[in-house]
Amino acid sequence: LDDNTIESSLTTFQVGVPYTFVITNMGTHGHNFNIAEPVSVAGSLNAALKTALLTVPKSQLGSGAKVTVQYTFPDTAVSTQLELSCLIQRHYNDGMYLAITVTN
């Protein structure tokens, strides 16, 4: 994570495979990290946050923080539009999201 951007070495993931996400906030602002539907699909930032598959809150991702989480995508993720995102209003609106694909 950086202010207004998200980068990932992977953007295609497989169902049933455990992934380790090493999330580093290299920006000057706190961020959250989510695997969620795009806001345009979910309907709002709050809806995307409530239905996120994975959430790491801002309280854990202050400037310079590094968090490691493991996540395995479920079968239902294959048919869903998903992205890695920071679901803080201004951050998201400034482009803090990255589309991902989940395959079988």
N, C-alpha and C. Protein backbone atom coordinates (compact mmCIF):
# COMPACT_ATOMS: atom_id res chain seq x y z
N LEU A 1 0.83 -1.18 0.00
CA LEU A 1 0.00 0.00 0.00
C LEU A 1 0.88 1.24 0.00
N ASP A 2 0.43 2.23 -0.71
CA ASP A 2 1.04 3.55 -0.66
C ASP A 2 -0.11 4.53 -0.80
N ASP A 3 0.14 5.77 -0.52
CA ASP A 3 -0.94 6.73 -0.61
C ASP A 3 -1.47 6.77 -2.04
N ASN A 4 -2.73 6.38 -2.20
CA ASN A 4 -3.47 6.38 -3.46
C ASN A 4 -3.13 5.25 -4.43
N THR A 5 -2.36 4.26 -4.00
CA THR A 5 -2.08 3.12 -4.88
C THR A 5 -2.00 1.81 -4.09
N ILE A 6 -2.31 0.73 -4.79
CA ILE A 6 -2.11 -0.61 -4.26
C ILE A 6 -1.37 -1.39 -5.34
N GLU A 7 -0.31 -2.06 -4.95
CA GLU A 7 0.44 -2.92 -5.86
C GLU A 7 0.48 -4.32 -5.29
N SER A 8 0.48 -5.30 -6.17
CA SER A 8 0.55 -6.70 -5.75
C SER A 8 1.35 -7.48 -6.78
N SER A 9 2.16 -8.41 -6.30
CA SER A 9 2.93 -9.24 -7.22
C SER A 9 2.02 -10.24 -7.94
N LEU A 10 0.85 -10.51 -7.38
CA LEU A 10 -0.13 -11.40 -8.01
C LEU A 10 -1.47 -10.67 -8.17
N THR A 11 -2.14 -10.94 -9.28
CA THR A 11 -3.51 -10.44 -9.45
C THR A 11 -4.45 -11.56 -9.87
N THR A 12 -3.92 -12.76 -10.03
CA THR A 12 -4.74 -13.94 -10.32
C THR A 12 -4.48 -14.97 -9.23
N PHE A 13 -5.56 -15.45 -8.64
CA PHE A 13 -5.48 -16.38 -7.51
C PHE A 13 -6.34 -17.60 -7.82
N GLN A 14 -6.03 -18.73 -7.17
CA GLN A 14 -6.79 -19.96 -7.35
C GLN A 14 -7.58 -20.29 -6.09
N VAL A 15 -8.79 -20.80 -6.31
CA VAL A 15 -9.63 -21.28 -5.23
C VAL A 15 -8.92 -22.41 -4.50
N GLY A 16 -9.04 -22.43 -3.19
CA GLY A 16 -8.52 -23.53 -2.39
C GLY A 16 -7.03 -23.49 -2.09
N VAL A 17 -6.32 -22.52 -2.63
CA VAL A 17 -4.88 -22.40 -2.40
C VAL A 17 -4.66 -21.36 -1.30
N PRO A 18 -3.96 -21.70 -0.23
CA PRO A 18 -3.70 -20.71 0.80
C PRO A 18 -2.66 -19.68 0.32
N TYR A 19 -2.99 -18.42 0.45
CA TYR A 19 -2.09 -17.33 0.08
C TYR A 19 -1.69 -16.56 1.33
N THR A 20 -0.45 -16.11 1.32
CA THR A 20 0.03 -15.26 2.40
C THR A 20 0.16 -13.85 1.84
N PHE A 21 -0.61 -12.93 2.40
CA PHE A 21 -0.56 -11.53 2.00
C PHE A 21 0.33 -10.79 3.00
N VAL A 22 1.41 -10.22 2.51
CA VAL A 22 2.27 -9.38 3.33
C VAL A 22 1.92 -7.94 2.93
N ILE A 23 1.21 -7.26 3.81
CA ILE A 23 0.68 -5.94 3.51
C ILE A 23 1.53 -4.91 4.22
N THR A 24 2.18 -4.06 3.45
CA THR A 24 3.05 -3.03 4.00
C THR A 24 2.51 -1.67 3.61
N ASN A 25 2.29 -0.81 4.59
CA ASN A 25 1.84 0.55 4.32
C ASN A 25 3.06 1.44 4.18
N MET A 26 3.39 1.77 2.94
CA MET A 26 4.54 2.61 2.66
C MET A 26 4.14 4.08 2.53
N GLY A 27 2.87 4.38 2.80
CA GLY A 27 2.39 5.75 2.70
C GLY A 27 2.50 6.51 4.00
N THR A 28 2.08 7.75 3.96
CA THR A 28 2.11 8.61 5.16
C THR A 28 0.79 8.59 5.91
N HIS A 29 -0.24 8.00 5.31
CA HIS A 29 -1.57 7.92 5.94
C HIS A 29 -1.88 6.48 6.32
N GLY A 30 -2.75 6.31 7.30
CA GLY A 30 -3.25 4.99 7.63
C GLY A 30 -4.19 4.50 6.55
N HIS A 31 -4.20 3.20 6.32
CA HIS A 31 -5.06 2.60 5.29
C HIS A 31 -5.70 1.34 5.87
N ASN A 32 -6.75 0.87 5.19
CA ASN A 32 -7.23 -0.47 5.47
C ASN A 32 -6.98 -1.30 4.21
N PHE A 33 -7.05 -2.61 4.35
CA PHE A 33 -6.82 -3.50 3.22
C PHE A 33 -7.99 -4.46 3.15
N ASN A 34 -8.54 -4.61 1.97
CA ASN A 34 -9.72 -5.45 1.79
C ASN A 34 -9.62 -6.25 0.51
N ILE A 35 -10.23 -7.42 0.55
CA ILE A 35 -10.54 -8.16 -0.66
C ILE A 35 -12.05 -8.10 -0.73
N ALA A 36 -12.55 -7.33 -1.69
CA ALA A 36 -13.98 -7.05 -1.72
C ALA A 36 -14.44 -6.78 -3.15
N GLU A 37 -15.76 -6.74 -3.31
CA GLU A 37 -16.34 -6.33 -4.58
C GLU A 37 -16.04 -4.86 -4.81
N PRO A 38 -15.94 -4.44 -6.06
CA PRO A 38 -15.80 -3.01 -6.33
C PRO A 38 -17.01 -2.25 -5.76
N VAL A 39 -16.78 -1.03 -5.35
CA VAL A 39 -17.87 -0.21 -4.80
C VAL A 39 -19.01 -0.08 -5.79
N SER A 40 -18.69 -0.01 -7.08
CA SER A 40 -19.75 0.11 -8.10
C SER A 40 -20.65 -1.11 -8.14
N VAL A 41 -20.15 -2.26 -7.74
CA VAL A 41 -20.95 -3.49 -7.70
C VAL A 41 -21.65 -3.62 -6.36
N ALA A 42 -20.93 -3.34 -5.27
CA ALA A 42 -21.50 -3.49 -3.92
C ALA A 42 -22.56 -2.43 -3.63
N GLY A 43 -22.43 -1.25 -4.24
CA GLY A 43 -23.41 -0.19 -4.04
C GLY A 43 -22.91 0.98 -3.20
N SER A 44 -21.95 0.73 -2.30
CA SER A 44 -21.38 1.79 -1.48
C SER A 44 -20.12 1.27 -0.81
N LEU A 45 -19.34 2.19 -0.27
CA LEU A 45 -18.14 1.79 0.48
C LEU A 45 -18.52 0.91 1.65
N ASN A 46 -19.56 1.29 2.38
CA ASN A 46 -19.98 0.51 3.55
C ASN A 46 -20.43 -0.89 3.15
N ALA A 47 -21.17 -1.00 2.05
CA ALA A 47 -21.62 -2.32 1.60
C ALA A 47 -20.43 -3.18 1.19
N ALA A 48 -19.46 -2.59 0.51
CA ALA A 48 -18.26 -3.34 0.11
C ALA A 48 -17.50 -3.81 1.35
N LEU A 49 -17.40 -2.95 2.34
CA LEU A 49 -16.69 -3.30 3.58
C LEU A 49 -17.42 -4.41 4.34
N LYS A 50 -18.74 -4.32 4.41
CA LYS A 50 -19.53 -5.32 5.16
C LYS A 50 -19.48 -6.70 4.50
N THR A 51 -19.32 -6.73 3.18
CA THR A 51 -19.33 -8.01 2.47
C THR A 51 -17.93 -8.45 2.04
N ALA A 52 -16.91 -7.75 2.50
CA ALA A 52 -15.52 -8.09 2.12
C ALA A 52 -15.17 -9.51 2.53
N LEU A 53 -14.40 -10.18 1.71
CA LEU A 53 -13.93 -11.53 2.02
C LEU A 53 -12.84 -11.48 3.08
N LEU A 54 -12.05 -10.43 3.05
CA LEU A 54 -10.95 -10.25 4.00
C LEU A 54 -10.81 -8.76 4.29
N THR A 55 -10.63 -8.41 5.57
CA THR A 55 -10.44 -7.01 5.96
C THR A 55 -9.32 -6.93 6.99
N VAL A 56 -8.40 -6.00 6.77
CA VAL A 56 -7.41 -5.63 7.76
C VAL A 56 -7.69 -4.17 8.08
N PRO A 57 -8.08 -3.85 9.31
CA PRO A 57 -8.51 -2.49 9.64
C PRO A 57 -7.38 -1.47 9.69
N LYS A 58 -7.76 -0.21 9.56
CA LYS A 58 -6.82 0.91 9.61
C LYS A 58 -6.02 0.91 10.91
N SER A 59 -6.62 0.44 11.99
CA SER A 59 -5.92 0.42 13.28
C SER A 59 -4.66 -0.46 13.24
N GLN A 60 -4.59 -1.38 12.28
CA GLN A 60 -3.42 -2.25 12.14
C GLN A 60 -2.47 -1.80 11.03
N LEU A 61 -2.92 -0.80 10.23
CA LEU A 61 -2.14 -0.41 9.06
C LEU A 61 -1.80 1.08 9.04
N GLY A 62 -1.25 1.55 10.15
CA GLY A 62 -0.76 2.92 10.18
C GLY A 62 0.46 3.05 9.28
N SER A 63 0.93 4.26 9.10
CA SER A 63 2.10 4.52 8.27
C SER A 63 3.28 3.66 8.73
N GLY A 64 3.87 2.94 7.79
CA GLY A 64 5.02 2.09 8.08
C GLY A 64 4.69 0.71 8.62
N ALA A 65 3.43 0.43 8.89
CA ALA A 65 3.04 -0.87 9.45
C ALA A 65 3.14 -1.98 8.41
N LYS A 66 3.39 -3.19 8.91
CA LYS A 66 3.46 -4.38 8.07
C LYS A 66 2.63 -5.47 8.75
N VAL A 67 1.68 -6.02 8.03
CA VAL A 67 0.79 -7.06 8.55
C VAL A 67 0.83 -8.25 7.60
N THR A 68 0.90 -9.45 8.16
CA THR A 68 0.87 -10.67 7.36
C THR A 68 -0.40 -11.44 7.70
N VAL A 69 -1.18 -11.77 6.67
CA VAL A 69 -2.41 -12.55 6.86
C VAL A 69 -2.44 -13.66 5.83
N GLN A 70 -3.09 -14.76 6.20
CA GLN A 70 -3.29 -15.86 5.26
C GLN A 70 -4.75 -15.90 4.87
N TYR A 71 -4.99 -16.20 3.59
CA TYR A 71 -6.35 -16.28 3.11
C TYR A 71 -6.44 -17.30 1.99
N THR A 72 -7.52 -18.08 2.00
CA THR A 72 -7.81 -19.05 0.95
C THR A 72 -9.14 -18.67 0.32
N PHE A 73 -9.14 -18.44 -0.97
CA PHE A 73 -10.36 -18.03 -1.66
C PHE A 73 -11.35 -19.19 -1.75
N PRO A 74 -12.63 -18.93 -1.44
CA PRO A 74 -13.66 -19.97 -1.54
C PRO A 74 -14.13 -20.13 -2.99
N ASP A 75 -14.84 -21.21 -3.26
CA ASP A 75 -15.39 -21.47 -4.60
C ASP A 75 -16.23 -20.31 -5.11
N THR A 76 -16.98 -19.67 -4.22
CA THR A 76 -17.87 -18.58 -4.62
C THR A 76 -17.13 -17.36 -5.16
N ALA A 77 -15.85 -17.26 -4.91
CA ALA A 77 -15.08 -16.10 -5.39
C ALA A 77 -14.86 -16.14 -6.90
N VAL A 78 -14.99 -17.32 -7.52
CA VAL A 78 -14.76 -17.45 -8.96
C VAL A 78 -15.75 -16.61 -9.76
N SER A 79 -16.96 -16.54 -9.35
CA SER A 79 -18.00 -15.83 -10.12
C SER A 79 -18.21 -14.39 -9.64
N THR A 80 -17.27 -13.86 -8.89
CA THR A 80 -17.44 -12.53 -8.29
C THR A 80 -16.36 -11.58 -8.79
N GLN A 81 -16.77 -10.34 -9.10
CA GLN A 81 -15.78 -9.30 -9.39
C GLN A 81 -15.15 -8.90 -8.07
N LEU A 82 -13.83 -8.93 -8.00
CA LEU A 82 -13.13 -8.62 -6.75
C LEU A 82 -11.97 -7.68 -7.01
N GLU A 83 -11.58 -7.00 -5.96
CA GLU A 83 -10.39 -6.16 -6.02
C GLU A 83 -9.74 -6.08 -4.65
N LEU A 84 -8.46 -5.77 -4.65
CA LEU A 84 -7.76 -5.40 -3.43
C LEU A 84 -8.01 -3.91 -3.29
N SER A 85 -8.36 -3.45 -2.09
CA SER A 85 -8.73 -2.05 -1.98
C SER A 85 -8.50 -1.50 -0.59
N CYS A 86 -8.44 -0.17 -0.53
CA CYS A 86 -8.52 0.58 0.72
C CYS A 86 -9.89 1.24 0.67
N LEU A 87 -10.79 0.81 1.54
CA LEU A 87 -12.16 1.31 1.52
C LEU A 87 -12.36 2.50 2.46
N ILE A 88 -11.43 3.44 2.38
CA ILE A 88 -11.59 4.74 3.02
C ILE A 88 -11.99 5.69 1.90
N GLN A 89 -13.07 6.43 2.09
CA GLN A 89 -13.71 7.21 1.02
C GLN A 89 -12.72 7.91 0.08
N ARG A 90 -11.94 8.80 0.58
CA ARG A 90 -11.06 9.57 -0.30
C ARG A 90 -9.98 8.69 -0.93
N HIS A 91 -9.47 7.75 -0.18
CA HIS A 91 -8.42 6.88 -0.70
C HIS A 91 -8.96 6.05 -1.87
N TYR A 92 -10.14 5.46 -1.69
CA TYR A 92 -10.74 4.67 -2.76
C TYR A 92 -11.02 5.54 -3.98
N ASN A 93 -11.61 6.70 -3.74
CA ASN A 93 -11.93 7.61 -4.85
C ASN A 93 -10.68 8.07 -5.59
N ASP A 94 -9.54 8.11 -4.90
CA ASP A 94 -8.28 8.50 -5.53
C ASP A 94 -7.58 7.34 -6.23
N GLY A 95 -8.18 6.15 -6.21
CA GLY A 95 -7.65 5.03 -6.99
C GLY A 95 -6.98 3.93 -6.22
N MET A 96 -7.25 3.80 -4.92
CA MET A 96 -6.63 2.73 -4.13
C MET A 96 -7.40 1.42 -4.27
N TYR A 97 -7.36 0.86 -5.46
CA TYR A 97 -7.96 -0.44 -5.71
C TYR A 97 -7.25 -1.08 -6.90
N LEU A 98 -7.27 -2.41 -6.89
CA LEU A 98 -6.60 -3.18 -7.93
C LEU A 98 -7.45 -4.41 -8.21
N ALA A 99 -7.93 -4.53 -9.45
CA ALA A 99 -8.77 -5.67 -9.83
C ALA A 99 -7.97 -6.96 -9.75
N ILE A 100 -8.63 -8.01 -9.24
CA ILE A 100 -8.02 -9.34 -9.19
C ILE A 100 -8.98 -10.35 -9.81
N THR A 101 -8.43 -11.50 -10.16
CA THR A 101 -9.20 -12.59 -10.73
C THR A 101 -8.98 -13.84 -9.89
N VAL A 102 -10.08 -14.58 -9.65
CA VAL A 102 -9.99 -15.84 -8.93
C VAL A 102 -10.47 -16.95 -9.87
N THR A 103 -9.64 -18.00 -10.01
CA THR A 103 -9.95 -19.10 -10.93
C THR A 103 -10.03 -20.42 -10.16
N ASN A 104 -10.58 -21.42 -10.82
CA ASN A 104 -10.64 -22.77 -10.25
C ASN A 104 -9.29 -23.44 -10.30
